[in-house]
């Protein structure tokens, strides 16, 4: 009996030690990001990758993770990503219609919307949508997007994390909303 328990303990220790789950490092240092053309300023983790377009900034935990967001089925390592953007619309609509269309798109793509909350961004009504989904046996995505609509422009702050990267880096999203 004693030998069986010893063998079992060794086997458990071996399998736990062989776990390939990557260690998620906490954000050690923050820096300010500012884009005068897009007129946005917020804090971001120092060392994260920044891609800018005229009306969008994407900040990703690594270049490899950026590729994972482009192709979630790839073997690239998981990571986290923040997107802050504004998209001008050709027609006038409502915040509710924009949110409903976004939620429908998520559902049609196989994601599960887990929560919808009314919030305010700089005195502008907005709606926060939490959702998640599984791409394959090893890849899940958890995300949150806050959408505001003003003067025919849809503004959004979006944060997503693959696998274990959502919770530890959620502060990146909170920082962008506060600043």
Foldseek 3Di string as FASTA:
>chain_A
DVVVVVVVVVVVVVVVVPDPDDDDDFQPDKDWDADVQLGAIFIARPPWDWDDDNFKIKTWNYPLCVVCVVPVVDPGDWTKMKMKGKDADPDDDAQVVVVVVVVVVCVVVPKDWDDKDWDDQPNFIKIKIWIKDAPDPQWIKTKMKIWTADPRMIIMIIMMTIDPHCVSCVVRSVRRRVD
